[in-house]
Amino acid sequence: MKTTIKSLGAVILGGGLFISGYAKQQMTSFQSLKDPEVVAQLKSFVAEKEAQANAATNNLPPEFKSYFDAAEKGDWLAVSNTFVEFRHHTGQYEHSGKTDERLRGTAWQAVMETWGALDAFGEGDEEYSAAYANAIIESIPPGSIYFGGTDPGRFLITAMQKSQVNGDPFFTVTQNALADGTYLDYLRSMYGGKIYIPTAEDSQKCFQDYMEDAQKRLQNHQLRPGEDVRTDSNGKMQVSGQVAVMEINGLLVKTMFDKDTNREFYIEESFPFDWMYPHLEPHGLIMKINRQPLPALSESVVSQDRDYWAEYLQPMIGDWLTADTSVGEIAAFAKKTFGKQDFSSFTGDPRFIQNAYSHRMFSKLRSSQAGLYAWRVDHATDAAEKKRLDQEADFAFRQAWALCPDSSEAVFRYVNFLLAQNRIADALVVAETAAQMPSVQGQDGEQIRNLVEQLKKLQKAKETSSGAK
């Protein structure tokens, strides 16, 4: 029987959105940045966003004007503080105060994307934020459509491509907001007539399709982790929560994919969409959505992906991690470098270890690709193919975990993969190591500690069963 830790779904969502606040501030102004090309690009981007906000309102509110004045200087602290205050009045976030109707539509999207860009350099390390963006941008052919889900996956690409507004060199969309009609209006203001933007009718159809599917799965006890679907006293079905919203977003992504048949599609995954997995293959740091489902991942694709990440990780964490490195060895590395900040004999970059924004965003990318391999393992019918992909999934998960040992997503996804192989002891090592990381706090910390307790019970039950035999 396959054992699964059920809190995975919520953890994935939590790891994919607004990951700032984990690292020491890096940028105080654009003068703090070392690369003049990065500074020039960010200044150009801020000017483009301010012009976009001005054009949308014709009378930019004074608060917005002050915000963009701070952004033009790269004053990250002022931008961050103002953005936090704005968020309290958007009505979109938990604990929001009185809604300010100005914080909607194109002007708000411009404000949010400006914040996200500066956040990636204010919280993140300049070198790694720029490297992340450049590697993704350079890998995507001109004219393609790119879906960026997490904060860095959306905002870094938005900021560092030549012109997000003009779709140069490609069109950037976030899959996380497609269910929001105001975001679709924002996309139309930029890309209308160039790429297909879902209509109100598309949105309604996707909602209805999701409701019908959710009702069937509710009756068959097949709801996904974190999916809140129920019937009220009148027998009417109700859905709520982020998982449901993301499922609808996924259907809207498919609508765009089905309509724009002459363009290539790429994605930085924040939430896995079931329909997409047969179409996906690793593509550098991200994934390509192929037009037709792939019967298998070829050896050449898998080999190229393995070599790419082995080379990419070396300057970050050193060259010690290979396909033969055990879970215990990674745990020892995590406790020494991430836990104790002991860099003796460490051949990677201490700055990478010390900047949580940076190592979390790269871990997320590799964890998503590991999830693709794991999906292929579950759906492989040939024993040799299953074994081959099983090894690739395991290695990719170990890389994702080594990049960020306290990442809830990397931990939960890898633990579930290990449990499917009945490797409870290894799963417990992963969870216990994560729980010992000093940065594990709040809800993430509670979830990981609960995970440890669940795994201990599973291990005890396994030992008891073995003893009885």
Protein backbone atom coordinates (compact mmCIF):
# COMPACT_ATOMS: atom_id res chain seq x y z
CA MET A 1 0.00 0.00 0.00
CA LYS A 2 1.29 3.44 -0.91
CA THR A 3 1.57 5.74 2.09
CA THR A 4 1.23 9.49 1.55
CA ILE A 5 1.62 12.35 3.99
CA LYS A 6 -1.58 14.30 3.39
CA SER A 7 -0.43 17.84 4.16
CA LEU A 8 1.62 18.07 0.98
CA GLY A 9 -0.85 20.14 -1.05
CA ALA A 10 -0.97 23.04 1.37
CA VAL A 11 2.79 23.02 1.71
CA ILE A 12 3.31 23.37 -2.03
CA LEU A 13 1.10 26.41 -2.14
CA GLY A 14 2.76 27.95 0.85
CA GLY A 15 6.16 27.49 -0.71
CA GLY A 16 5.21 28.99 -4.05
CA LEU A 17 4.00 32.45 -3.05
CA PHE A 18 5.58 35.45 -1.33
CA ILE A 19 8.73 33.81 0.00
CA SER A 20 10.36 37.04 1.16
CA GLY A 21 11.25 37.74 4.75
CA TYR A 22 13.72 34.87 5.19
CA ALA A 23 16.98 36.60 4.38
CA LYS A 24 19.01 39.55 5.51
CA GLN A 25 18.45 42.68 3.48
CA GLN A 26 20.93 42.88 0.61
CA MET A 27 19.99 46.01 -1.31
CA THR A 28 19.41 49.42 0.26
CA SER A 29 19.39 51.28 -3.06
CA PHE A 30 20.45 50.71 -6.65
CA GLN A 31 23.87 52.03 -5.62
CA SER A 32 24.24 48.85 -3.55
CA LEU A 33 24.18 46.70 -6.68
CA LYS A 34 27.48 45.87 -8.34
CA ASP A 35 26.41 45.08 -11.90
CA PRO A 36 25.62 48.25 -13.91
CA GLU A 37 23.66 46.22 -16.46
CA VAL A 38 21.35 44.94 -13.72
CA VAL A 39 20.90 48.49 -12.40
CA ALA A 40 20.10 49.83 -15.87
CA GLN A 41 17.58 47.06 -16.52
CA LEU A 42 15.83 47.57 -13.19
CA LYS A 43 15.61 51.33 -13.71
CA SER A 44 14.15 50.79 -17.16
CA PHE A 45 11.67 48.30 -15.75
CA VAL A 46 10.52 50.64 -12.95
CA ALA A 47 10.01 53.44 -15.49
CA GLU A 48 7.97 51.09 -17.68
CA LYS A 49 5.79 50.05 -14.73
CA GLU A 50 5.21 53.65 -13.62
CA ALA A 51 4.20 54.61 -17.15
CA GLN A 52 1.87 51.63 -17.25
CA ALA A 53 0.24 52.66 -13.95
CA ASN A 54 -0.08 56.27 -15.11
CA ALA A 55 -1.71 55.23 -18.37
CA ALA A 56 -4.20 53.05 -16.52
CA THR A 57 -5.38 55.75 -14.11
CA ASN A 58 -4.67 59.09 -15.82
CA ASN A 59 -4.40 60.41 -12.27
CA LEU A 60 -1.93 58.36 -10.28
CA PRO A 61 -2.75 58.51 -6.54
CA PRO A 62 -0.16 60.39 -4.44
CA GLU A 63 0.69 57.20 -2.54
CA PHE A 64 1.52 55.46 -5.80
CA LYS A 65 3.64 58.39 -6.93
CA SER A 66 5.68 58.27 -3.72
CA TYR A 67 6.00 54.51 -4.13
CA PHE A 68 7.42 54.81 -7.64
CA ASP A 69 9.70 57.67 -6.56
CA ALA A 70 11.23 55.29 -4.01
CA ALA A 71 11.40 52.50 -6.59
CA GLU A 72 13.28 54.73 -9.05
CA LYS A 73 16.04 55.05 -6.44
CA GLY A 74 15.96 51.37 -5.61
CA ASP A 75 14.96 52.27 -2.04
CA TRP A 76 14.00 48.74 -1.13
CA LEU A 77 13.03 49.46 2.49
CA ALA A 78 10.58 52.24 1.48
CA VAL A 79 9.15 50.15 -1.35
CA SER A 80 8.72 47.11 0.89
CA ASN A 81 7.09 49.03 3.74
CA THR A 82 4.70 50.85 1.40
CA PHE A 83 3.79 47.67 -0.41
CA VAL A 84 2.97 45.92 2.87
CA GLU A 85 0.68 48.81 3.76
CA PHE A 86 -0.98 48.63 0.33
CA ARG A 87 -1.61 44.91 0.76
CA HIS A 88 -3.60 45.58 3.91
CA HIS A 89 -6.20 47.31 1.77
CA THR A 90 -6.43 45.19 -1.36
CA GLY A 91 -9.08 42.82 -0.05
CA GLN A 92 -7.14 39.92 -1.63
CA TYR A 93 -5.08 38.79 1.33
CA GLU A 94 -5.77 37.36 4.73
CA HIS A 95 -6.22 40.02 7.46
CA SER A 96 -6.83 42.73 4.85
CA GLY A 97 -8.34 45.91 6.21
CA LYS A 98 -10.80 48.19 4.46
CA THR A 99 -10.56 47.66 0.71
CA ASP A 100 -9.12 50.51 -1.37
CA GLU A 101 -10.61 50.21 -4.87
CA ARG A 102 -7.53 51.93 -6.34
CA LEU A 103 -5.53 48.82 -5.47
CA ARG A 104 -6.98 46.84 -8.33
CA GLY A 105 -6.45 46.39 -12.04
CA THR A 106 -3.47 47.45 -14.11
CA ALA A 107 -2.14 50.09 -11.70
CA TRP A 108 -2.05 47.56 -8.87
CA GLN A 109 -0.38 44.93 -11.04
CA ALA A 110 2.30 47.48 -11.96
CA VAL A 111 2.82 48.27 -8.27
CA MET A 112 3.01 44.58 -7.35
CA GLU A 113 5.44 43.69 -10.15
CA THR A 114 7.70 46.58 -9.16
CA TRP A 115 7.72 45.35 -5.58
CA GLY A 116 8.44 41.78 -6.69
CA ALA A 117 11.42 42.82 -8.79
CA LEU A 118 13.02 44.87 -6.04
CA ASP A 119 12.18 42.18 -3.50
CA ALA A 120 14.27 39.68 -5.45
CA PHE A 121 17.30 41.95 -5.07
CA GLY A 122 16.44 43.36 -1.63
CA GLU A 123 15.91 39.95 -0.06
CA GLY A 124 17.83 37.86 -2.53
CA ASP A 125 21.49 37.92 -3.45
CA GLU A 126 22.20 40.07 -6.52
CA GLU A 127 24.35 37.47 -8.25
CA TYR A 128 21.86 34.64 -7.87
CA SER A 129 18.76 36.68 -8.64
CA ALA A 130 20.36 37.90 -11.87
CA ALA A 131 21.66 34.43 -12.75
CA TYR A 132 18.22 32.90 -12.17
CA ALA A 133 16.53 35.45 -14.44
CA ASN A 134 19.14 35.41 -17.18
CA ALA A 135 19.28 31.62 -17.40
CA ILE A 136 15.51 31.36 -17.81
CA ILE A 137 15.21 34.28 -20.22
CA GLU A 138 18.01 33.03 -22.44
CA SER A 139 16.45 29.54 -22.60
CA ILE A 140 13.07 30.69 -23.97
CA PRO A 141 12.69 31.28 -27.73
CA PRO A 142 11.32 34.69 -28.82
CA GLY A 143 7.56 34.82 -29.26
CA SER A 144 6.91 32.05 -26.74
CA ILE A 145 4.49 32.20 -23.80
CA TYR A 146 6.06 31.76 -20.38
CA PHE A 147 4.12 31.02 -17.19
CA GLY A 148 5.90 32.10 -14.01
CA GLY A 149 4.24 30.99 -10.78
CA THR A 150 6.36 31.69 -7.72
CA ASP A 151 7.45 35.19 -6.81
CA PRO A 152 10.93 34.93 -8.37
CA GLY A 153 9.54 32.90 -11.27
CA ARG A 154 7.15 35.69 -12.11
CA PHE A 155 8.74 38.91 -10.94
CA LEU A 156 12.39 38.30 -11.78
CA ILE A 157 11.54 37.37 -15.34
CA THR A 158 9.10 40.27 -15.63
CA ALA A 159 11.82 42.69 -14.51
CA MET A 160 14.84 41.34 -16.34
CA GLN A 161 13.42 40.58 -19.79
CA LYS A 162 13.83 43.37 -22.32
CA SER A 163 10.19 44.53 -22.04
CA GLN A 164 7.47 42.59 -20.30
CA VAL A 165 4.86 45.10 -21.45
CA ASN A 166 5.77 44.57 -25.12
CA GLY A 167 6.24 40.82 -24.79
CA ASP A 168 9.91 41.18 -25.69
CA PRO A 169 11.40 38.65 -26.20
CA PHE A 170 8.40 36.56 -25.01
CA PHE A 171 5.05 36.94 -23.24
CA THR A 172 5.12 36.56 -19.45
CA VAL A 173 2.02 35.44 -17.58
CA THR A 174 1.49 34.11 -14.06
CA GLN A 175 -0.70 31.02 -13.88
CA ASN A 176 -1.49 31.82 -10.24
CA ALA A 177 -3.77 34.78 -11.06
CA LEU A 178 -5.69 33.65 -14.13
CA ALA A 179 -8.87 33.05 -12.12
CA ASP A 180 -8.84 36.76 -11.20
CA GLY A 181 -10.80 38.75 -13.78
CA THR A 182 -8.87 41.93 -13.03
CA TYR A 183 -5.62 40.14 -13.86
CA LEU A 184 -7.06 39.00 -17.18
CA ASP A 185 -7.98 42.63 -17.90
CA TYR A 186 -4.37 43.55 -17.13
CA LEU A 187 -3.12 40.95 -19.62
CA ARG A 188 -5.49 42.29 -22.26
CA SER A 189 -4.11 45.80 -21.77
CA MET A 190 -0.64 44.47 -22.67
CA TYR A 191 -1.12 41.46 -24.91
CA GLY A 192 -4.63 41.73 -26.31
CA GLY A 193 -4.61 40.78 -30.00
CA LYS A 194 -1.12 39.25 -29.72
CA ILE A 195 -1.86 36.12 -27.69
CA TYR A 196 -5.09 34.51 -26.57
CA ILE A 197 -6.34 35.83 -23.22
CA PRO A 198 -9.17 33.83 -21.59
CA THR A 199 -12.56 35.51 -21.74
CA ALA A 200 -15.21 35.78 -19.03
CA GLU A 201 -16.95 32.86 -20.73
CA ASP A 202 -13.74 30.82 -20.59
CA SER A 203 -13.43 31.55 -16.89
CA GLN A 204 -17.03 30.49 -16.24
CA LYS A 205 -16.58 27.28 -18.24
CA CYS A 206 -13.38 26.40 -16.35
CA PHE A 207 -15.17 26.99 -13.06
CA GLN A 208 -18.07 24.77 -14.09
CA ASP A 209 -15.72 22.05 -15.39
CA TYR A 210 -13.84 22.11 -12.10
CA MET A 211 -17.07 21.93 -10.07
CA GLU A 212 -18.29 18.91 -12.04
CA ASP A 213 -14.94 17.13 -11.65
CA ALA A 214 -14.71 17.99 -7.94
CA GLN A 215 -18.22 16.66 -7.33
CA LYS A 216 -17.32 13.31 -8.89
CA ARG A 217 -14.13 13.08 -6.88
CA LEU A 218 -15.98 14.05 -3.68
CA GLN A 219 -18.39 11.18 -4.21
CA ASN A 220 -15.49 8.80 -4.88
CA HIS A 221 -13.43 10.06 -1.92
CA GLN A 222 -10.69 11.26 -4.27
CA LEU A 223 -10.26 14.89 -3.24
CA ARG A 224 -6.73 16.25 -3.40
CA PRO A 225 -4.81 17.23 -0.24
CA GLY A 226 -5.95 20.67 0.87
CA GLU A 227 -8.99 20.67 -1.43
CA ASP A 228 -12.02 22.03 0.47
CA VAL A 229 -15.14 20.71 -1.25
CA ARG A 230 -18.40 20.06 0.58
CA THR A 231 -22.17 20.12 0.23
CA ASP A 232 -24.30 22.45 2.31
CA SER A 233 -27.56 21.64 4.09
CA ASN A 234 -29.46 22.16 0.83
CA GLY A 235 -27.26 19.72 -1.05
CA LYS A 236 -25.49 22.48 -2.98
CA MET A 237 -21.78 21.95 -3.51
CA GLN A 238 -19.36 24.58 -2.23
CA VAL A 239 -15.63 24.90 -2.86
CA SER A 240 -13.11 27.16 -1.19
CA GLY A 241 -9.42 27.53 -0.56
CA GLN A 242 -6.29 27.98 -2.60
CA VAL A 243 -6.16 24.47 -4.02
CA ALA A 244 -9.53 24.94 -5.74
CA VAL A 245 -8.43 28.31 -7.15
CA MET A 246 -5.23 26.81 -8.48
CA GLU A 247 -7.13 23.96 -10.15
CA ILE A 248 -9.25 26.55 -11.98
CA ASN A 249 -6.07 28.45 -12.88
CA GLY A 250 -4.72 25.23 -14.35
CA LEU A 251 -7.75 24.85 -16.60
CA LEU A 252 -7.30 28.44 -17.78
CA VAL A 253 -3.66 27.71 -18.61
CA LYS A 254 -4.92 24.80 -20.71
CA THR A 255 -7.36 27.13 -22.45
CA MET A 256 -4.49 29.40 -23.49
CA PHE A 257 -2.39 26.40 -24.49
CA ASP A 258 -5.19 24.97 -26.66
CA LYS A 259 -5.90 28.31 -28.37
CA ASP A 260 -2.37 29.51 -29.20
CA THR A 261 -1.27 26.46 -31.15
CA ASN A 262 1.50 28.24 -33.06
CA ARG A 263 3.49 29.32 -30.01
CA GLU A 264 5.83 27.44 -27.70
CA PHE A 265 4.96 27.27 -24.00
CA TYR A 266 7.22 27.15 -20.94
CA ILE A 267 6.45 27.05 -17.25
CA GLU A 268 8.03 27.67 -13.87
CA GLU A 269 5.76 25.55 -11.74
CA SER A 270 4.22 26.78 -8.51
CA PHE A 271 1.45 24.17 -8.32
CA PRO A 272 1.39 20.90 -10.28
CA PHE A 273 -1.40 20.55 -12.85
CA ASP A 274 -2.39 16.97 -13.66
CA TRP A 275 -3.30 17.68 -17.31
CA MET A 276 0.12 19.17 -17.95
CA TYR A 277 2.41 16.38 -16.75
CA PRO A 278 2.24 14.23 -19.93
CA HIS A 279 3.33 17.31 -21.93
CA LEU A 280 6.24 18.39 -19.72
CA GLU A 281 9.97 17.89 -20.07
CA PRO A 282 12.88 19.53 -18.20
CA HIS A 283 14.20 22.64 -19.95
CA GLY A 284 17.19 24.11 -18.13
CA LEU A 285 15.90 25.60 -14.89
CA ILE A 286 12.25 25.35 -15.93
CA MET A 287 10.05 23.05 -18.03
CA LYS A 288 8.72 23.04 -21.57
CA ILE A 289 5.05 22.25 -22.26
CA ASN A 290 5.13 20.17 -25.44
CA ARG A 291 2.24 20.45 -27.87
CA GLN A 292 1.64 16.69 -27.85
CA PRO A 293 1.90 14.36 -24.84
CA LEU A 294 5.25 12.61 -24.61
CA PRO A 295 5.07 8.80 -24.46
CA ALA A 296 8.29 8.91 -22.39
CA LEU A 297 11.19 11.14 -21.41
CA SER A 298 14.04 10.16 -23.70
CA GLU A 299 17.43 9.22 -22.34
CA SER A 300 18.98 12.20 -24.11
CA VAL A 301 16.57 14.64 -22.39
CA VAL A 302 17.14 13.03 -18.99
CA SER A 303 20.92 12.90 -19.43
CA GLN A 304 21.06 16.54 -20.53
CA ASP A 305 18.98 17.55 -17.52
CA ARG A 306 21.19 15.59 -15.13
CA ASP A 307 24.38 17.12 -16.52
CA TYR A 308 22.89 20.62 -16.53
CA TRP A 309 22.02 20.55 -12.85
CA ALA A 310 25.25 18.86 -11.76
CA GLU A 311 27.18 21.72 -13.36
CA TYR A 312 24.76 24.40 -12.16
CA LEU A 313 24.89 23.31 -8.51
CA GLN A 314 28.68 23.07 -8.24
CA PRO A 315 29.46 26.78 -7.59
CA MET A 316 26.53 26.98 -5.16
CA ILE A 317 27.07 23.97 -2.89
CA GLY A 318 30.25 22.32 -4.20
CA ASP A 319 30.80 19.19 -6.27
CA TRP A 320 30.26 16.56 -3.56
CA LEU A 321 26.67 15.67 -4.47
CA THR A 322 26.50 12.78 -6.95
CA ALA A 323 23.96 10.12 -7.87
CA ASP A 324 25.53 7.89 -5.21
CA THR A 325 25.37 10.40 -2.34
CA SER A 326 23.18 9.02 0.43
CA VAL A 327 20.37 10.73 2.32
CA GLY A 328 22.52 10.53 5.45
CA GLU A 329 25.41 12.34 3.76
CA ILE A 330 23.11 15.15 2.63
CA ALA A 331 21.71 15.39 6.15
CA ALA A 332 25.24 15.77 7.54
CA PHE A 333 25.98 18.49 4.98
CA ALA A 334 22.77 20.32 5.86
CA LYS A 335 23.44 20.27 9.59
CA LYS A 336 27.02 21.49 9.11
CA THR A 337 26.52 24.26 6.53
CA PHE A 338 22.90 25.40 6.88
CA GLY A 339 22.56 24.52 10.54
CA LYS A 340 25.91 25.46 12.10
CA GLN A 341 27.10 27.79 9.31
CA ASP A 342 30.35 25.85 9.37
CA PHE A 343 32.07 26.32 6.01
CA SER A 344 35.31 24.50 6.74
CA SER A 345 36.19 22.30 3.73
CA PHE A 346 33.13 23.73 1.93
CA THR A 347 33.85 24.33 -1.77
CA GLY A 348 30.63 26.11 -2.64
CA ASP A 349 29.56 29.71 -2.01
CA PRO A 350 28.76 30.62 1.64
CA ARG A 351 26.68 33.57 0.40
CA PHE A 352 24.34 31.14 -1.32
CA ILE A 353 23.88 29.14 1.87
CA GLN A 354 23.31 32.31 3.89
CA ASN A 355 20.68 33.81 1.59
CA ALA A 356 17.39 31.97 2.00
CA TYR A 357 15.64 33.73 -0.87
CA SER A 358 18.31 32.46 -3.25
CA HIS A 359 18.56 28.85 -2.15
CA ARG A 360 14.79 28.50 -1.79
CA MET A 361 14.08 29.63 -5.35
CA PHE A 362 16.58 27.23 -6.93
CA SER A 363 15.41 24.37 -4.70
CA LYS A 364 11.85 25.03 -5.84
CA LEU A 365 12.85 24.71 -9.50
CA ARG A 366 14.58 21.38 -8.98
CA SER A 367 11.81 20.05 -6.73
CA SER A 368 9.29 20.73 -9.51
CA GLN A 369 11.37 18.77 -12.01
CA ALA A 370 11.79 15.95 -9.49
CA GLY A 371 8.00 15.90 -9.22
CA LEU A 372 7.79 15.39 -12.98
CA TYR A 373 10.15 12.41 -12.77
CA ALA A 374 8.11 11.00 -9.86
CA TRP A 375 4.93 11.32 -11.94
CA ARG A 376 6.63 9.43 -14.76
CA VAL A 377 7.63 6.70 -12.28
CA ASP A 378 4.00 6.28 -11.21
CA HIS A 379 2.82 6.02 -14.82
CA ALA A 380 5.62 3.88 -16.30
CA THR A 381 4.52 0.42 -17.43
CA ASP A 382 7.94 -0.95 -18.37
CA ALA A 383 10.03 -2.16 -15.42
CA ALA A 384 13.32 -0.89 -16.86
CA GLU A 385 11.80 2.52 -17.60
CA LYS A 386 10.35 2.70 -14.10
CA LYS A 387 13.74 1.92 -12.54
CA ARG A 388 15.53 4.47 -14.73
CA LEU A 389 13.14 7.27 -13.87
CA ASP A 390 13.01 6.25 -10.23
CA GLN A 391 16.75 6.88 -10.00
CA GLU A 392 16.42 10.25 -11.73
CA ALA A 393 13.56 11.34 -9.46
CA ASP A 394 15.48 10.34 -6.35
CA PHE A 395 18.59 12.22 -7.45
CA ALA A 396 16.62 15.34 -8.39
CA PHE A 397 14.82 15.29 -5.04
CA ARG A 398 18.15 14.95 -3.21
CA GLN A 399 19.50 17.93 -5.17
CA ALA A 400 16.43 20.01 -4.31
CA TRP A 401 16.72 19.08 -0.65
CA ALA A 402 20.47 19.77 -0.53
CA LEU A 403 19.82 23.23 -2.01
CA CYS A 404 17.37 24.07 0.79
CA PRO A 405 17.10 21.51 3.63
CA ASP A 406 14.27 23.41 5.33
CA SER A 407 12.10 23.84 2.23
CA SER A 408 8.67 22.47 3.14
CA GLU A 409 7.94 21.60 -0.45
CA ALA A 410 11.24 19.81 -1.08
CA VAL A 411 10.87 17.92 2.21
CA PHE A 412 7.25 16.82 1.78
CA ARG A 413 7.57 15.86 -1.85
CA TYR A 414 10.72 13.86 -1.22
CA VAL A 415 9.24 12.21 1.87
CA ASN A 416 6.18 11.10 -0.11
CA PHE A 417 8.46 9.73 -2.83
CA LEU A 418 10.46 7.78 -0.26
CA LEU A 419 7.34 6.43 1.41
CA ALA A 420 6.13 5.12 -1.94
CA GLN A 421 9.32 3.02 -1.93
CA ASN A 422 8.80 1.98 1.69
CA ARG A 423 11.99 3.84 2.69
CA ILE A 424 10.61 5.12 5.98
CA ALA A 425 14.02 5.38 7.65
CA ASP A 426 15.33 7.70 4.94
CA ALA A 427 12.12 9.73 5.03
CA LEU A 428 12.54 10.21 8.76
CA VAL A 429 16.12 11.42 8.31
CA VAL A 430 14.90 14.03 5.81
CA ALA A 431 12.14 15.26 8.11
CA GLU A 432 14.24 15.27 11.29
CA THR A 433 17.05 17.16 9.56
CA ALA A 434 14.60 19.79 8.30
CA ALA A 435 13.11 20.15 11.79
CA GLN A 436 16.59 20.89 13.18
CA MET A 437 17.24 23.80 10.84
CA PRO A 438 17.25 27.07 12.84
CA SER A 439 15.10 28.84 10.23
CA VAL A 440 12.18 26.40 10.57
CA GLN A 441 9.56 28.40 12.40
CA GLY A 442 5.84 29.18 12.41
CA GLN A 443 3.43 27.08 10.37
CA ASP A 444 6.22 25.43 8.36
CA GLY A 445 7.93 24.39 11.57
CA GLU A 446 4.73 22.95 12.99
CA GLN A 447 4.03 21.01 9.79
CA ILE A 448 7.53 19.55 9.69
CA ARG A 449 7.44 18.59 13.37
CA ASN A 450 4.09 16.90 12.81
CA LEU A 451 5.63 15.12 9.84
CA VAL A 452 8.41 13.79 12.04
CA GLU A 453 5.87 12.38 14.50
CA GLN A 454 3.86 10.73 11.72
CA LEU A 455 6.99 9.10 10.34
CA LYS A 456 8.05 7.85 13.75
CA LYS A 457 4.66 6.16 14.12
CA LEU A 458 4.98 4.61 10.68
CA GLN A 459 8.47 3.36 11.48
CA LYS A 460 7.31 1.90 14.78
CA ALA A 461 4.40 0.16 13.08
CA LYS A 462 6.76 -1.27 10.48
CA GLU A 463 9.15 -2.56 13.15
CA THR A 464 6.27 -4.08 15.09
CA SER A 465 4.97 -5.78 11.96
CA SER A 466 8.44 -7.13 11.13
CA GLY A 467 8.87 -8.40 14.68
CA ALA A 468 5.54 -10.18 14.57
CA LYS A 469 6.66 -12.12 11.48
